[in-house]
Amino acid sequence: MIKIRRIKKVVYSWKKMRNLFHGDSSTTDESPLPTFSLPAPLPNWPQGKGFGTGKINLGEIEVAEITSFDFIWGSHLSHDKENSVSFYKPVGIPEGFFNLGHYCQPNNKPLYGFLLVAKDLAVSNNNESKSVRSPALQAPRDYSLVWSSDDGTRIKDSPGYVWLPESPPGYKALGFVVTSKAEKPDFADVRCVREDLIEKCEPYGLLLETESKFRKKPFNVWKTRPSNRGMLKRGVTVGTFFCASQWDEGDEIPISCLKNCDPNWHSMPELDQIRALVKHYGPTMFFHPEEVYFPSSVSWFFKNGARLCKPGQPDGEPVDPEGSNLPQGGTNDGKFWLDLPNDETIREVVKQGNLESAEIYVHVKPSFGGTFCDLAMWVFSPFNGPATIKIGPKDVGLSRTGEHIGDWEHFTLRVSNFTGRLDSIYFSQHSGGVWLDASDLEFNEGNKAIIYLSKNGHAIYPHPGSYLQGSSKIGVGIRNDCAKSNVSLDSSTRYEIIAAEYLGEVVTEPYWLQFMRTWGPKIVYDSKLPLSFFNKLPAELSRQEGPTGPKEKNNWFGDERW
């Protein structure tokens, strides 16, 4: 279970309370948010099995993705967009499908989300009499009021009510329902799902946090996601929200997510569809104007003198251009590592990389039970340059600290398998990273996002600027400087698909992908700086150690860090 920060007490003025929770006399039923659309229309994807068909079979349930909404209520619409949310219900639900809950989004960004709606395949195919099980979907038996904006204060305009469907025995609700009237929602508005067709979900990404001495009951809203996530996991996010007056880590929440019970990944893209996705969405990567350590292809690194070393043989042996003489499999046990060429002149040349040879290495895997696909795009650089440390108002350029041989960074495109629509991009930043919705991205050409690689360290960011990695409270950390230059790499054309396990033997993984040891030696610095100083900085500043390759990373099989 993820850690969710405890609620801090905030005292609102009467005026701010009115703005935050309630509309004024000018409030309308229209959404306060503009709808975001990708810059260019989606292409006609190559034909395949289930990818891009609009619906996905989960076994006994078929689901469709809804991205059009009707506004219900906002918390508030016009005065405090940085600290408010709005609630929506899906529109345009296909015949035979049912709503599973409502959608919530912050008011400080364009509307860009989804909800899944579900259909019971046995009932819709008139096979109910042949089924020995209960129906997959059932209407709730009642609703319980979770929260109301009209909670005893004198402000009563534009009220909102949040309801939890009370499911029949053997079923579970997957979302909350919001109304602008005190009457209970219609029982036909939503469906609960049979318990063997669901998995646990968890809250994350706090959307709204409110508490005040003026209010009897605070109201806090989170997004939801499957508790167990990764390439082989079956949990399916529905797009609904979770809300509670008080939430403690470890408490089980009253809603669930769906489960993909189909043993096959019919909704995942086939090879031609993967190529079409990369061609359509592959971001343009911009390097800092002062960058000197560029990416290269792995084969260029091997061909230009990379060495395989082991204890007792520090000079090592040359690596085959394809990496076929690298130890395969195993774990990072320290028995082998890669290093630069011995010759100092060639060594300095290899450090600078070779952008002309550089390729992006693409790993395609199921996400959220195969309703989305992740295209993890890996970037290799032979060398990670020295860091610049920010100490309060001063910047200190280091000569060696922060360097290491071999550098693997990545970004991940998350795409809906219902339509092929880009949902979000994960930006890897050293040992962490961040997901950003498509509505938060910069675009260069059509639907190709822009990403920025930080100077020397190659951490990946969505916008230009200087990002501090370390202790921002006291102003100490590594500077990650990003800026657009005339040097870039187009990942939509310069790529190689290195893995897509769900396709079987269609994609042949390169030899070097099975090398599980480090891509550089380990050197511990004898620094004159006090240990207390290094404790405020990322650990890699106190030593030089090459990273392990992509397949040794936790996110290869698991989900990205959120």
Protein backbone atom coordinates (compact mmCIF):
# COMPACT_ATOMS: atom_id res chain seq x y z
CA MET A 1 0.00 0.00 0.00
CA ILE A 2 1.32 3.40 -0.90
CA LYS A 3 1.86 6.03 1.72
CA ILE A 4 -0.69 8.83 1.64
CA ARG A 5 0.26 11.91 3.57
CA ARG A 6 -1.92 12.66 6.57
CA ILE A 7 -4.34 15.51 6.33
CA LYS A 8 -3.04 18.88 7.53
CA LYS A 9 -5.40 21.33 9.16
CA VAL A 10 -6.17 24.38 7.07
CA VAL A 11 -8.37 27.23 8.27
CA TYR A 12 -10.40 28.87 5.52
CA SER A 13 -11.99 32.28 5.71
CA TRP A 14 -15.74 32.36 5.16
CA LYS A 15 -15.13 33.93 1.79
CA LYS A 16 -12.64 31.28 0.71
CA MET A 17 -14.91 28.53 2.00
CA ARG A 18 -17.73 29.90 -0.10
CA ASN A 19 -15.50 30.02 -3.18
CA LEU A 20 -14.00 26.60 -2.62
CA PHE A 21 -17.05 24.52 -1.83
CA HIS A 22 -20.04 26.31 -3.28
CA GLY A 23 -21.05 28.13 -6.39
CA ASP A 24 -22.39 31.65 -6.49
CA SER A 25 -25.51 32.96 -8.19
CA SER A 26 -23.71 32.85 -11.56
CA THR A 27 -23.01 29.10 -11.36
CA THR A 28 -24.23 27.13 -14.38
CA ASP A 29 -24.48 23.44 -15.25
CA GLU A 30 -21.65 23.77 -17.75
CA SER A 31 -18.21 22.35 -17.11
CA PRO A 32 -15.72 24.95 -15.84
CA LEU A 33 -12.93 23.20 -17.71
CA PRO A 34 -12.01 23.31 -21.37
CA THR A 35 -11.59 19.86 -22.89
CA PHE A 36 -8.06 18.96 -23.96
CA SER A 37 -7.48 17.28 -27.31
CA LEU A 38 -4.21 16.06 -28.74
CA PRO A 39 -2.78 18.48 -31.32
CA ALA A 40 -3.44 16.11 -34.24
CA PRO A 41 -6.13 13.51 -34.98
CA LEU A 42 -5.30 9.86 -34.43
CA PRO A 43 -4.32 7.88 -37.53
CA ASN A 44 -5.98 4.72 -38.74
CA TRP A 45 -3.90 2.12 -36.93
CA PRO A 46 -2.84 -1.02 -38.85
CA GLN A 47 -5.28 -3.90 -38.54
CA GLY A 48 -4.72 -6.38 -35.70
CA LYS A 49 -6.70 -8.34 -33.14
CA GLY A 50 -8.13 -6.20 -30.37
CA PHE A 51 -5.98 -3.06 -30.24
CA GLY A 52 -7.76 0.17 -31.15
CA THR A 53 -11.18 -1.43 -31.60
CA GLY A 54 -12.85 0.63 -28.84
CA LYS A 55 -13.82 -2.33 -26.64
CA ILE A 56 -11.86 -4.92 -24.64
CA ASN A 57 -13.02 -8.37 -23.52
CA LEU A 58 -12.07 -9.11 -19.89
CA GLY A 59 -13.64 -12.58 -19.85
CA GLU A 60 -17.23 -12.35 -18.65
CA ILE A 61 -17.25 -8.57 -18.98
CA GLU A 62 -16.61 -6.34 -21.95
CA VAL A 63 -15.49 -2.78 -21.26
CA ALA A 64 -15.45 0.41 -23.31
CA GLU A 65 -13.59 3.64 -22.62
CA ILE A 66 -15.58 6.88 -22.31
CA THR A 67 -13.77 10.21 -22.68
CA SER A 68 -16.82 12.49 -23.03
CA PHE A 69 -18.44 13.83 -19.86
CA ASP A 70 -21.31 15.86 -18.48
CA PHE A 71 -20.49 18.19 -15.59
CA ILE A 72 -22.28 17.46 -12.29
CA TRP A 73 -20.85 19.65 -9.54
CA GLY A 74 -17.69 21.58 -8.67
CA SER A 75 -16.01 22.41 -5.43
CA HIS A 76 -15.59 25.40 -6.75
CA LEU A 77 -15.67 26.57 -10.31
CA SER A 78 -14.31 30.09 -10.62
CA HIS A 79 -12.36 31.44 -7.63
CA ASP A 80 -9.82 28.85 -6.51
CA LYS A 81 -8.86 26.56 -9.37
CA GLU A 82 -5.60 25.55 -7.68
CA ASN A 83 -7.49 23.96 -4.78
CA SER A 84 -10.72 22.67 -6.25
CA VAL A 85 -12.14 19.83 -8.29
CA SER A 86 -15.13 19.07 -10.49
CA PHE A 87 -17.13 15.87 -10.89
CA TYR A 88 -18.40 14.36 -14.14
CA LYS A 89 -20.52 11.49 -15.44
CA PRO A 90 -19.87 9.67 -18.73
CA VAL A 91 -21.98 10.41 -21.79
CA GLY A 92 -22.39 8.44 -24.99
CA ILE A 93 -22.43 5.07 -23.24
CA PRO A 94 -22.88 2.28 -25.85
CA GLU A 95 -26.06 0.24 -25.77
CA GLY A 96 -25.88 -2.61 -23.27
CA PHE A 97 -23.08 -1.00 -21.25
CA PHE A 98 -23.40 0.42 -17.73
CA ASN A 99 -21.67 3.13 -15.73
CA LEU A 100 -19.43 2.00 -12.85
CA GLY A 101 -18.90 5.36 -11.13
CA HIS A 102 -18.13 9.02 -11.72
CA TYR A 103 -14.96 10.91 -12.61
CA CYS A 104 -13.15 13.68 -10.71
CA GLN A 105 -10.49 16.10 -11.91
CA PRO A 106 -8.72 19.22 -10.57
CA ASN A 107 -9.94 22.54 -11.94
CA ASN A 108 -6.44 23.83 -12.69
CA LYS A 109 -5.99 21.78 -15.87
CA PRO A 110 -8.01 20.96 -19.00
CA LEU A 111 -10.46 18.07 -18.89
CA TYR A 112 -8.65 14.95 -20.09
CA GLY A 113 -9.63 11.67 -18.48
CA PHE A 114 -11.59 8.47 -18.96
CA LEU A 115 -14.11 6.15 -17.35
CA LEU A 116 -14.72 2.52 -18.19
CA VAL A 117 -18.25 1.27 -18.73
CA ALA A 118 -19.07 -2.43 -18.64
CA LYS A 119 -21.33 -4.97 -20.30
CA ASP A 120 -22.26 -8.43 -18.99
CA LEU A 121 -21.44 -10.68 -21.96
CA ALA A 122 -23.59 -13.58 -20.78
CA VAL A 123 -26.69 -11.40 -20.42
CA SER A 124 -26.08 -9.41 -23.58
CA ASN A 125 -25.65 -12.61 -25.61
CA ASN A 126 -28.87 -14.08 -24.14
CA ASN A 127 -26.86 -16.82 -22.47
CA GLU A 128 -27.99 -16.08 -18.93
CA SER A 129 -29.84 -19.37 -18.64
CA LYS A 130 -26.72 -21.31 -19.64
CA SER A 131 -24.54 -19.65 -17.00
CA VAL A 132 -24.17 -21.41 -13.66
CA ARG A 133 -22.92 -18.18 -12.08
CA SER A 134 -24.72 -15.08 -11.01
CA PRO A 135 -24.75 -12.15 -13.45
CA ALA A 136 -21.46 -10.28 -13.70
CA LEU A 137 -23.20 -6.94 -13.09
CA GLN A 138 -25.93 -6.02 -10.62
CA ALA A 139 -27.63 -2.76 -9.72
CA PRO A 140 -26.93 -1.47 -6.18
CA ARG A 141 -29.51 -2.23 -3.54
CA ASP A 142 -29.21 1.25 -2.05
CA TYR A 143 -26.98 4.34 -1.74
CA SER A 144 -25.33 5.76 1.36
CA LEU A 145 -24.54 9.47 1.56
CA VAL A 146 -20.79 9.88 2.08
CA TRP A 147 -20.56 13.66 2.09
CA SER A 148 -22.65 16.73 1.39
CA SER A 149 -21.56 20.33 0.87
CA ASP A 150 -24.69 21.36 2.82
CA ASP A 151 -23.36 20.13 6.17
CA GLY A 152 -24.83 22.67 8.56
CA THR A 153 -23.10 25.85 7.45
CA ARG A 154 -25.16 28.86 6.39
CA ILE A 155 -24.00 28.59 2.78
CA LYS A 156 -26.50 26.52 0.83
CA ASP A 157 -26.18 27.50 -2.82
CA SER A 158 -25.06 25.03 -5.46
CA PRO A 159 -24.91 21.95 -3.19
CA GLY A 160 -23.17 18.71 -4.02
CA TYR A 161 -23.73 15.18 -2.70
CA VAL A 162 -21.42 12.15 -2.91
CA TRP A 163 -22.94 8.67 -2.67
CA LEU A 164 -21.50 5.18 -2.29
CA PRO A 165 -23.50 2.42 -4.00
CA GLU A 166 -24.42 -0.34 -1.53
CA SER A 167 -23.71 -3.53 -3.41
CA PRO A 168 -25.70 -6.78 -3.20
CA PRO A 169 -24.02 -9.74 -1.43
CA GLY A 170 -21.19 -11.12 -3.54
CA TYR A 171 -20.70 -7.85 -5.44
CA LYS A 172 -18.58 -4.73 -5.01
CA ALA A 173 -18.92 -1.10 -6.04
CA LEU A 174 -16.20 0.33 -8.29
CA GLY A 175 -16.87 4.02 -7.83
CA PHE A 176 -18.84 6.80 -6.16
CA VAL A 177 -21.78 8.71 -7.64
CA VAL A 178 -22.20 12.49 -7.37
CA THR A 179 -25.43 14.50 -7.58
CA SER A 180 -26.39 18.15 -7.29
CA LYS A 181 -29.66 17.26 -5.52
CA ALA A 182 -30.37 15.64 -2.17
CA GLU A 183 -32.38 12.79 -3.68
CA LYS A 184 -30.63 9.43 -4.02
CA PRO A 185 -29.32 8.60 -7.50
CA ASP A 186 -31.34 6.35 -9.78
CA PHE A 187 -30.56 2.67 -9.22
CA ALA A 188 -30.26 2.26 -12.99
CA ASP A 189 -27.39 4.78 -13.10
CA VAL A 190 -24.62 2.46 -11.97
CA ARG A 191 -23.68 -1.21 -11.65
CA CYS A 192 -21.73 -3.24 -9.09
CA VAL A 193 -19.45 -6.13 -10.18
CA ARG A 194 -19.28 -9.73 -8.98
CA GLU A 195 -16.43 -10.22 -6.52
CA ASP A 196 -14.50 -12.81 -8.55
CA LEU A 197 -14.19 -10.31 -11.40
CA ILE A 198 -12.51 -7.57 -9.35
CA GLU A 199 -9.21 -6.80 -7.62
CA LYS A 200 -8.20 -4.45 -4.83
CA CYS A 201 -7.50 -0.85 -5.65
CA GLU A 202 -5.83 1.91 -3.71
CA PRO A 203 -5.97 5.70 -3.53
CA TYR A 204 -3.10 7.85 -4.79
CA GLY A 205 -2.55 11.35 -6.15
CA LEU A 206 -4.54 13.51 -3.71
CA LEU A 207 -6.92 15.67 -5.75
CA LEU A 208 -8.57 17.69 -2.99
CA GLU A 209 -7.67 18.18 0.68
CA THR A 210 -9.97 20.22 2.88
CA GLU A 211 -10.47 20.65 6.60
CA SER A 212 -11.66 23.65 8.54
CA LYS A 213 -12.99 24.53 11.99
CA PHE A 214 -16.07 25.88 10.23
CA ARG A 215 -16.97 22.55 8.63
CA LYS A 216 -18.39 19.60 10.49
CA LYS A 217 -16.94 17.12 8.02
CA PRO A 218 -13.82 17.50 5.83
CA PHE A 219 -13.81 16.21 2.28
CA ASN A 220 -10.76 14.64 0.63
CA VAL A 221 -10.54 13.09 -2.82
CA TRP A 222 -7.96 10.82 -4.45
CA LYS A 223 -7.49 9.09 -7.78
CA THR A 224 -7.52 5.29 -7.73
CA ARG A 225 -5.40 2.55 -9.27
CA PRO A 226 -4.97 -1.23 -8.87
CA SER A 227 -3.02 -2.15 -5.73
CA ASN A 228 -0.93 -4.68 -7.67
CA ARG A 229 0.53 -3.29 -10.87
CA GLY A 230 3.03 -4.44 -13.45
CA MET A 231 3.53 -6.28 -16.70
CA LEU A 232 1.93 -9.53 -15.53
CA LYS A 233 -0.73 -8.09 -13.22
CA ARG A 234 -4.43 -8.22 -14.11
CA GLY A 235 -5.90 -5.24 -12.24
CA VAL A 236 -7.79 -2.80 -14.50
CA THR A 237 -8.20 0.84 -13.48
CA VAL A 238 -11.75 2.11 -14.00
CA GLY A 239 -10.98 5.84 -13.82
CA THR A 240 -13.16 6.51 -10.76
CA PHE A 241 -12.17 8.39 -7.60
CA PHE A 242 -12.07 7.62 -3.87
CA CYS A 243 -13.16 10.08 -1.18
CA ALA A 244 -13.20 10.04 2.59
CA SER A 245 -13.38 12.39 5.54
CA GLN A 246 -10.40 10.65 7.14
CA TRP A 247 -8.06 8.08 5.65
CA ASP A 248 -5.32 6.10 7.36
CA GLU A 249 -2.74 4.01 5.58
CA GLY A 250 -3.68 0.34 5.64
CA ASP A 251 -7.44 0.89 5.76
CA GLU A 252 -9.28 -1.05 3.07
CA ILE A 253 -11.30 1.20 0.83
CA PRO A 254 -14.93 0.36 -0.09
CA ILE A 255 -14.44 0.28 -3.86
CA SER A 256 -12.45 -2.00 -6.17
CA CYS A 257 -11.07 -2.15 -9.68
CA LEU A 258 -11.80 -4.66 -12.43
CA LYS A 259 -9.75 -7.74 -13.27
CA ASN A 260 -8.83 -8.99 -16.73
CA CYS A 261 -9.83 -12.66 -16.62
CA ASP A 262 -8.98 -13.28 -20.28
CA PRO A 263 -5.72 -15.32 -20.29
CA ASN A 264 -4.63 -13.75 -23.60
CA TRP A 265 -3.56 -10.19 -24.31
CA HIS A 266 -5.86 -9.67 -27.30
CA SER A 267 -6.03 -5.91 -26.76
CA MET A 268 -2.26 -5.37 -26.94
CA PRO A 269 -0.75 -3.96 -30.16
CA GLU A 270 0.90 -6.24 -32.68
CA LEU A 271 4.30 -5.45 -34.18
CA ASP A 272 3.03 -3.25 -37.04
CA GLN A 273 0.82 -1.38 -34.58
CA ILE A 274 3.77 -0.82 -32.22
CA ARG A 275 5.74 0.70 -35.08
CA ALA A 276 2.79 2.93 -35.94
CA LEU A 277 2.54 4.08 -32.31
CA VAL A 278 6.24 4.95 -32.14
CA LYS A 279 6.06 6.74 -35.48
CA HIS A 280 3.03 8.77 -34.35
CA TYR A 281 4.03 9.55 -30.75
CA GLY A 282 7.82 9.19 -30.55
CA PRO A 283 9.00 12.34 -28.70
CA THR A 284 11.69 14.70 -29.88
CA MET A 285 14.55 14.75 -27.38
CA PHE A 286 16.36 18.07 -26.95
CA PHE A 287 19.84 18.36 -25.42
CA HIS A 288 21.23 21.25 -23.41
CA PRO A 289 23.24 23.76 -25.49
CA GLU A 290 26.33 22.99 -23.38
CA GLU A 291 26.00 19.20 -23.46
CA VAL A 292 29.21 17.30 -24.28
CA TYR A 293 28.27 13.74 -23.22
CA PHE A 294 25.78 12.45 -25.78
CA PRO A 295 24.02 9.11 -26.23
CA SER A 296 25.21 6.45 -28.64
CA SER A 297 23.99 3.09 -29.76
CA VAL A 298 25.06 0.13 -27.64
CA SER A 299 26.79 -1.44 -30.63
CA TRP A 300 28.82 1.77 -31.23
CA PHE A 301 29.97 1.62 -27.59
CA PHE A 302 31.04 -2.00 -28.03
CA LYS A 303 32.74 -1.44 -31.39
CA ASN A 304 34.80 1.45 -30.03
CA GLY A 305 36.62 -0.40 -27.30
CA ALA A 306 34.22 -1.20 -24.46
CA ARG A 307 35.73 -3.85 -22.17
CA LEU A 308 34.25 -6.68 -20.10
CA CYS A 309 36.09 -6.75 -16.76
CA LYS A 310 36.04 -8.98 -13.68
CA PRO A 311 37.96 -9.19 -10.39
CA GLY A 312 41.62 -10.05 -10.98
CA GLN A 313 41.41 -8.99 -14.64
CA PRO A 314 41.00 -5.19 -14.57
CA ASP A 315 42.18 -4.85 -18.20
CA GLY A 316 39.30 -7.05 -19.28
CA GLU A 317 38.52 -8.25 -22.79
CA PRO A 318 36.91 -6.52 -25.78
CA VAL A 319 33.15 -6.83 -26.09
CA ASP A 320 31.75 -8.31 -29.27
CA PRO A 321 29.80 -5.71 -31.33
CA GLU A 322 26.56 -7.59 -30.63
CA GLY A 323 27.46 -8.31 -27.00
CA SER A 324 27.42 -12.06 -27.63
CA ASN A 325 30.39 -12.67 -25.30
CA LEU A 326 28.71 -10.96 -22.33
CA PRO A 327 27.61 -13.19 -19.43
CA GLN A 328 23.91 -13.91 -19.84
CA GLY A 329 21.32 -13.79 -17.08
CA GLY A 330 22.03 -14.10 -13.40
CA THR A 331 22.02 -11.12 -11.08
CA ASN A 332 24.16 -8.10 -10.33
CA ASP A 333 26.66 -10.07 -8.23
CA GLY A 334 29.71 -7.88 -8.86
CA LYS A 335 31.53 -10.60 -10.79
CA PHE A 336 31.56 -8.63 -14.06
CA TRP A 337 31.30 -5.03 -15.20
CA LEU A 338 31.85 -2.96 -18.34
CA ASP A 339 34.45 -0.22 -18.73
CA LEU A 340 35.69 2.31 -21.28
CA PRO A 341 38.72 1.60 -23.54
CA ASN A 342 42.15 1.58 -21.88
CA ASP A 343 43.67 4.00 -24.37
CA GLU A 344 43.22 7.50 -22.89
CA THR A 345 42.69 9.22 -26.24
CA ILE A 346 40.03 6.77 -27.39
CA ARG A 347 38.56 6.79 -23.90
CA GLU A 348 37.87 10.54 -24.09
CA VAL A 349 36.28 10.16 -27.52
CA VAL A 350 33.96 7.36 -26.33
CA LYS A 351 32.93 9.42 -23.30
CA GLN A 352 31.40 11.99 -25.63
CA GLY A 353 29.11 9.42 -27.23
CA ASN A 354 27.98 9.38 -30.83
CA LEU A 355 24.61 10.94 -31.54
CA GLU A 356 24.70 9.84 -35.20
CA SER A 357 24.54 6.20 -34.10
CA ALA A 358 22.14 6.67 -31.18
CA GLU A 359 18.95 4.61 -31.02
CA ILE A 360 16.07 4.49 -28.58
CA TYR A 361 15.46 0.97 -27.26
CA VAL A 362 11.76 0.20 -26.91
CA HIS A 363 10.22 -2.28 -24.47
CA VAL A 364 6.45 -2.79 -24.93
CA LYS A 365 4.42 -4.28 -22.09
CA PRO A 366 0.83 -4.51 -20.82
CA SER A 367 -0.36 -2.04 -18.20
CA PHE A 368 -3.54 -2.08 -16.10
CA GLY A 369 -4.42 -5.61 -17.16
CA GLY A 370 -3.83 -5.00 -20.85
CA THR A 371 -6.23 -2.07 -21.17
CA PHE A 372 -3.18 0.16 -21.68
CA CYS A 373 0.25 -0.51 -23.14
CA ASP A 374 3.50 1.02 -21.94
CA LEU A 375 6.23 1.83 -24.43
CA ALA A 376 9.34 2.17 -22.25
CA MET A 377 11.95 3.98 -24.36
CA TRP A 378 15.50 3.53 -23.10
CA VAL A 379 18.42 5.87 -23.85
CA PHE A 380 22.05 4.76 -23.47
CA SER A 381 25.00 7.14 -23.00
CA PRO A 382 28.58 5.88 -22.59
CA PHE A 383 29.30 8.45 -19.89
CA ASN A 384 27.52 10.54 -17.26
CA GLY A 385 29.31 13.85 -16.73
CA PRO A 386 30.18 15.66 -13.49
CA ALA A 387 27.50 17.37 -11.44
CA THR A 388 26.92 20.99 -10.56
CA ILE A 389 25.85 21.41 -6.93
CA LYS A 390 23.64 24.22 -5.74
CA ILE A 391 24.41 25.40 -2.20
CA GLY A 392 21.98 28.16 -1.38
CA PRO A 393 22.57 30.98 -3.88
CA LYS A 394 25.90 29.52 -5.10
CA ASP A 395 26.58 26.95 -7.82
CA VAL A 396 29.66 24.73 -7.52
CA GLY A 397 30.84 22.85 -10.62
CA LEU A 398 32.49 19.56 -9.65
CA SER A 399 35.41 18.03 -11.54
CA ARG A 400 34.62 14.34 -10.95
CA THR A 401 31.83 13.96 -8.43
CA GLY A 402 28.69 12.69 -10.11
CA GLU A 403 30.55 11.01 -12.97
CA HIS A 404 30.02 7.40 -13.86
CA ILE A 405 30.66 5.19 -16.87
CA GLY A 406 27.54 3.99 -18.64
CA ASP A 407 24.18 5.73 -18.22
CA TRP A 408 20.69 4.34 -18.78
CA GLU A 409 17.69 6.67 -18.65
CA HIS A 410 14.20 6.20 -20.03
CA PHE A 411 10.78 7.67 -20.59
CA THR A 412 7.55 5.71 -20.96
CA LEU A 413 4.55 6.41 -23.18
CA ARG A 414 1.28 5.08 -21.75
CA VAL A 415 -1.29 4.50 -24.51
CA SER A 416 -4.93 3.42 -24.31
CA ASN A 417 -5.50 0.08 -26.01
CA PHE A 418 -9.12 1.06 -26.64
CA THR A 419 -8.28 3.80 -29.13
CA GLY A 420 -4.51 4.26 -29.26
CA ARG A 421 -4.85 7.64 -27.54
CA LEU A 422 -1.77 8.86 -25.63
CA ASP A 423 -2.69 9.01 -21.95
CA SER A 424 0.52 10.14 -20.24
CA ILE A 425 4.33 10.03 -20.25
CA TYR A 426 6.65 8.97 -17.44
CA PHE A 427 9.85 11.03 -17.12
CA SER A 428 12.72 9.11 -15.50
CA GLN A 429 14.96 11.31 -13.36
CA HIS A 430 17.92 9.42 -11.91
CA SER A 431 16.43 7.20 -9.17
CA GLY A 432 12.93 8.68 -9.41
CA GLY A 433 10.54 10.16 -11.91
CA VAL A 434 7.10 11.58 -12.54
CA TRP A 435 4.01 10.84 -14.65
CA LEU A 436 2.43 13.71 -16.58
CA ASP A 437 -0.91 13.65 -18.39
CA ALA A 438 -0.86 14.39 -22.10
CA SER A 439 -2.53 17.73 -21.33
CA ASP A 440 0.60 18.82 -19.39
CA LEU A 441 3.06 18.15 -22.21
CA GLU A 442 4.75 20.29 -24.85
CA PHE A 443 4.34 19.08 -28.42
CA ASN A 444 6.72 19.62 -31.30
CA GLU A 445 5.10 18.10 -34.38
CA GLY A 446 1.63 16.61 -34.41
CA ASN A 447 1.27 14.40 -31.35
CA LYS A 448 5.01 14.06 -30.71
CA ALA A 449 5.85 15.42 -27.28
CA ILE A 450 9.02 17.35 -26.47
CA ILE A 451 11.33 16.05 -23.76
CA TYR A 452 14.50 17.58 -22.36
CA LEU A 453 17.65 15.78 -21.21
CA SER A 454 19.51 17.48 -18.38
CA LYS A 455 23.07 18.65 -18.93
CA ASN A 456 25.69 15.93 -18.22
CA GLY A 457 23.27 13.68 -16.30
CA HIS A 458 20.64 12.93 -18.97
CA ALA A 459 17.70 12.99 -16.54
CA ILE A 460 14.48 13.51 -18.49
CA TYR A 461 12.10 16.43 -17.93
CA PRO A 462 8.96 17.74 -19.66
CA HIS A 463 9.89 21.43 -19.75
CA PRO A 464 13.04 23.58 -19.85
CA GLY A 465 14.38 24.93 -16.58
CA SER A 466 16.66 24.10 -13.66
CA TYR A 467 15.47 21.24 -11.45
CA LEU A 468 17.03 20.64 -8.02
CA GLN A 469 17.65 17.06 -6.94
CA GLY A 470 18.37 16.88 -3.23
CA SER A 471 17.14 18.91 -0.27
CA SER A 472 15.03 21.70 -1.74
CA LYS A 473 14.09 22.98 1.75
CA ILE A 474 17.62 24.16 2.45
CA GLY A 475 18.55 24.78 -1.19
CA VAL A 476 21.18 22.04 -1.48
CA GLY A 477 21.21 19.57 -4.34
CA ILE A 478 22.27 18.70 -7.87
CA ARG A 479 21.26 21.08 -10.61
CA ASN A 480 19.50 19.41 -13.52
CA ASP A 481 19.59 22.07 -16.22
CA CYS A 482 17.36 21.61 -19.27
CA ALA A 483 17.13 23.87 -22.31
CA LYS A 484 16.32 23.59 -25.99
CA SER A 485 19.21 23.66 -28.42
CA ASN A 486 19.64 22.90 -32.10
CA VAL A 487 20.75 19.36 -31.17
CA SER A 488 17.96 16.80 -30.88
CA LEU A 489 17.10 13.14 -31.42
CA ASP A 490 13.84 12.02 -33.01
CA SER A 491 12.74 8.86 -31.22
CA SER A 492 9.96 8.28 -33.78
CA THR A 493 12.54 7.28 -36.41
CA ARG A 494 15.67 6.32 -34.43
CA TYR A 495 14.55 3.31 -32.44
CA GLU A 496 14.77 -0.46 -32.07
CA ILE A 497 12.09 -2.65 -30.49
CA ILE A 498 14.07 -4.85 -28.09
CA ALA A 499 11.32 -6.65 -26.14
CA ALA A 500 7.59 -7.36 -26.17
CA GLU A 501 7.19 -10.55 -24.14
CA TYR A 502 3.46 -10.88 -24.78
CA LEU A 503 4.19 -11.37 -28.51
CA GLY A 504 6.22 -14.52 -27.87
CA GLU A 505 9.13 -14.95 -30.28
CA VAL A 506 8.07 -12.17 -32.63
CA VAL A 507 10.67 -9.83 -31.08
CA THR A 508 14.22 -11.17 -30.58
CA GLU A 509 15.89 -9.65 -27.56
CA PRO A 510 19.51 -8.54 -28.14
CA TYR A 511 22.34 -10.33 -26.33
CA TRP A 512 23.33 -7.26 -24.33
CA LEU A 513 19.85 -7.04 -22.79
CA GLN A 514 20.62 -10.22 -20.82
CA PHE A 515 23.74 -8.67 -19.22
CA MET A 516 22.56 -8.12 -15.64
CA ARG A 517 25.74 -6.61 -14.20
CA THR A 518 26.81 -2.95 -14.15
CA TRP A 519 27.73 -0.94 -17.24
CA GLY A 520 30.62 0.74 -15.43
CA PRO A 521 33.08 0.16 -12.54
CA LYS A 522 32.53 1.18 -8.94
CA ILE A 523 34.80 3.87 -7.49
CA VAL A 524 34.22 5.32 -4.00
CA TYR A 525 35.37 8.91 -3.66
CA ASP A 526 37.76 9.99 -0.90
CA SER A 527 36.02 13.33 -0.54
CA LYS A 528 37.07 16.11 1.83
CA LEU A 529 33.46 17.18 2.16
CA PRO A 530 31.81 16.11 5.45
CA LEU A 531 29.51 13.10 5.44
CA SER A 532 26.65 15.26 6.71
CA PHE A 533 26.90 17.27 3.49
CA PHE A 534 26.66 14.18 1.27
CA ASN A 535 23.67 12.95 3.28
CA LYS A 536 21.69 15.87 1.86
CA LEU A 537 22.55 14.87 -1.71
CA PRO A 538 21.72 11.85 -3.90
CA ALA A 539 23.89 8.82 -3.05
CA GLU A 540 25.52 8.69 -6.48
CA LEU A 541 27.56 11.81 -5.66
CA SER A 542 29.70 9.94 -3.13
CA ARG A 543 30.85 7.29 -5.58
CA GLN A 544 31.18 6.38 -9.24
CA GLU A 545 29.25 3.27 -10.20
CA GLY A 546 27.80 2.25 -13.52
CA PRO A 547 24.11 1.38 -13.66
CA THR A 548 22.62 -1.99 -14.39
CA GLY A 549 20.90 -2.44 -17.74
CA PRO A 550 17.17 -2.02 -18.45
CA LYS A 551 16.14 -5.59 -17.68
CA GLU A 552 17.62 -5.44 -14.17
CA LYS A 553 15.46 -2.42 -13.28
CA ASN A 554 12.38 -2.89 -11.10
CA ASN A 555 10.16 -1.19 -13.66
CA TRP A 556 11.00 -3.78 -16.34
CA PHE A 557 8.38 -6.13 -14.90
CA GLY A 558 6.80 -3.71 -12.44
CA ASP A 559 5.15 -0.34 -12.80
CA GLU A 560 6.98 2.97 -12.88
CA ARG A 561 7.52 4.69 -9.53
CA TRP A 562 4.57 6.98 -8.79
